[in-house]
Amino acid sequence: MDRVENAEWFKSSHSNGNGECVEVAYLDDMVVTRDSKVQAGPVLSSTLDGWKTFIGSVAEGAL
């Protein structure tokens, strides 16, 4: 996944700096997330629609 290695990763503005967060990167056709403490570790990928559904469910308290 060369695109993932070259992605522009960011942390949530709600991150409190304690190292317990994930990083997110938007690619052309997907969103990828990774553990900020293990940047060379595995990534979780999702479609854009799947990511929007996930974030919406979290915001509504469903997850």
C-alpha atoms as a PDB file:
ATOM      1  CA  MET A   1       0.000   0.000   0.000  1.00  0.00           C
ATOM      2  CA  ASP A   2       2.383   2.656  -1.202  1.00  0.00           C
ATOM      3  CA  ARG A   3      -0.369   5.281  -1.065  1.00  0.00           C
ATOM      4  CA  VAL A   4      -0.794   4.678   2.675  1.00  0.00           C
ATOM      5  CA  GLU A   5       2.908   5.177   3.346  1.00  0.00           C
ATOM      6  CA  ASN A   6       2.837   8.527   1.543  1.00  0.00           C
ATOM      7  CA  ALA A   7      -0.506   9.662   2.999  1.00  0.00           C
ATOM      8  CA  GLU A   8      -0.910  12.869   4.977  1.00  0.00           C
ATOM      9  CA  TRP A   9      -1.933  11.594   8.410  1.00  0.00           C
ATOM     10  CA  PHE A  10      -3.648  13.758  11.018  1.00  0.00           C
ATOM     11  CA  LYS A  11      -5.019  13.386  14.540  1.00  0.00           C
ATOM     12  CA  SER A  12      -8.362  14.595  15.770  1.00  0.00           C
ATOM     13  CA  SER A  13      -8.539  18.119  17.092  1.00  0.00           C
ATOM     14  CA  HIS A  14     -10.068  16.462  20.182  1.00  0.00           C
ATOM     15  CA  SER A  15      -6.862  14.504  20.846  1.00  0.00           C
ATOM     16  CA  ASN A  16      -5.484  15.415  24.260  1.00  0.00           C
ATOM     17  CA  GLY A  17      -1.870  14.465  23.524  1.00  0.00           C
ATOM     18  CA  ASN A  18      -1.731  11.440  25.821  1.00  0.00           C
ATOM     19  CA  GLY A  19      -0.791   9.095  22.952  1.00  0.00           C
ATOM     20  CA  GLU A  20      -4.088   7.226  23.090  1.00  0.00           C
ATOM     21  CA  CYS A  21      -5.460   8.188  19.702  1.00  0.00           C
ATOM     22  CA  VAL A  22      -5.709   7.160  16.105  1.00  0.00           C
ATOM     23  CA  GLU A  23      -4.502   8.935  13.015  1.00  0.00           C
ATOM     24  CA  VAL A  24      -6.607   9.309   9.894  1.00  0.00           C
ATOM     25  CA  ALA A  25      -5.696   9.880   6.261  1.00  0.00           C
ATOM     26  CA  TYR A  26      -7.990  10.535   3.326  1.00  0.00           C
ATOM     27  CA  LEU A  27      -6.991   8.859   0.088  1.00  0.00           C
ATOM     28  CA  ASP A  28      -8.722   9.208  -3.277  1.00  0.00           C
ATOM     29  CA  ASP A  29     -11.341   6.535  -2.722  1.00  0.00           C
ATOM     30  CA  MET A  30     -10.971   5.555   0.932  1.00  0.00           C
ATOM     31  CA  VAL A  31     -10.188   6.591   4.463  1.00  0.00           C
ATOM     32  CA  VAL A  32      -7.458   4.818   6.424  1.00  0.00           C
ATOM     33  CA  THR A  33      -6.791   4.828  10.161  1.00  0.00           C
ATOM     34  CA  ARG A  34      -3.873   3.654  12.279  1.00  0.00           C
ATOM     35  CA  ASP A  35      -2.702   3.633  15.882  1.00  0.00           C
ATOM     36  CA  SER A  36      -0.639   6.757  16.515  1.00  0.00           C
ATOM     37  CA  LYS A  37       1.747   4.769  18.739  1.00  0.00           C
ATOM     38  CA  VAL A  38       2.427   2.109  16.067  1.00  0.00           C
ATOM     39  CA  GLN A  39       2.665   4.087  12.856  1.00  0.00           C
ATOM     40  CA  ALA A  40       4.333   1.240  10.961  1.00  0.00           C
ATOM     41  CA  GLY A  41       1.647  -1.179  12.123  1.00  0.00           C
ATOM     42  CA  PRO A  42      -1.556  -2.266  10.417  1.00  0.00           C
ATOM     43  CA  VAL A  43      -4.084   0.157   8.982  1.00  0.00           C
ATOM     44  CA  LEU A  44      -7.833  -0.104   8.774  1.00  0.00           C
ATOM     45  CA  SER A  45      -9.353   1.046   5.509  1.00  0.00           C
ATOM     46  CA  SER A  46     -12.917   2.057   4.767  1.00  0.00           C
ATOM     47  CA  THR A  47     -14.872   3.491   1.901  1.00  0.00           C
ATOM     48  CA  LEU A  48     -15.769   7.156   2.204  1.00  0.00           C
ATOM     49  CA  ASP A  49     -19.438   6.257   2.705  1.00  0.00           C
ATOM     50  CA  GLY A  50     -18.535   3.694   5.359  1.00  0.00           C
ATOM     51  CA  TRP A  51     -16.415   6.261   7.200  1.00  0.00           C
ATOM     52  CA  LYS A  52     -19.220   8.836   7.123  1.00  0.00           C
ATOM     53  CA  THR A  53     -21.643   6.247   8.513  1.00  0.00           C
ATOM     54  CA  PHE A  54     -19.192   5.301  11.278  1.00  0.00           C
ATOM     55  CA  ILE A  55     -18.531   8.919  12.295  1.00  0.00           C
ATOM     56  CA  GLY A  56     -22.255   9.704  12.204  1.00  0.00           C
ATOM     57  CA  SER A  57     -23.022   6.711  14.441  1.00  0.00           C
ATOM     58  CA  VAL A  58     -20.347   7.781  16.932  1.00  0.00           C
ATOM     59  CA  ALA A  59     -21.661  11.347  16.975  1.00  0.00           C
ATOM     60  CA  GLU A  60     -25.207  10.090  17.627  1.00  0.00           C
ATOM     61  CA  GLY A  61     -24.000   7.864  20.481  1.00  0.00           C
ATOM     62  CA  ALA A  62     -24.970   4.677  18.680  1.00  0.00           C
ATOM     63  CA  LEU A  63     -21.427   3.291  19.055  1.00  0.00           C
END
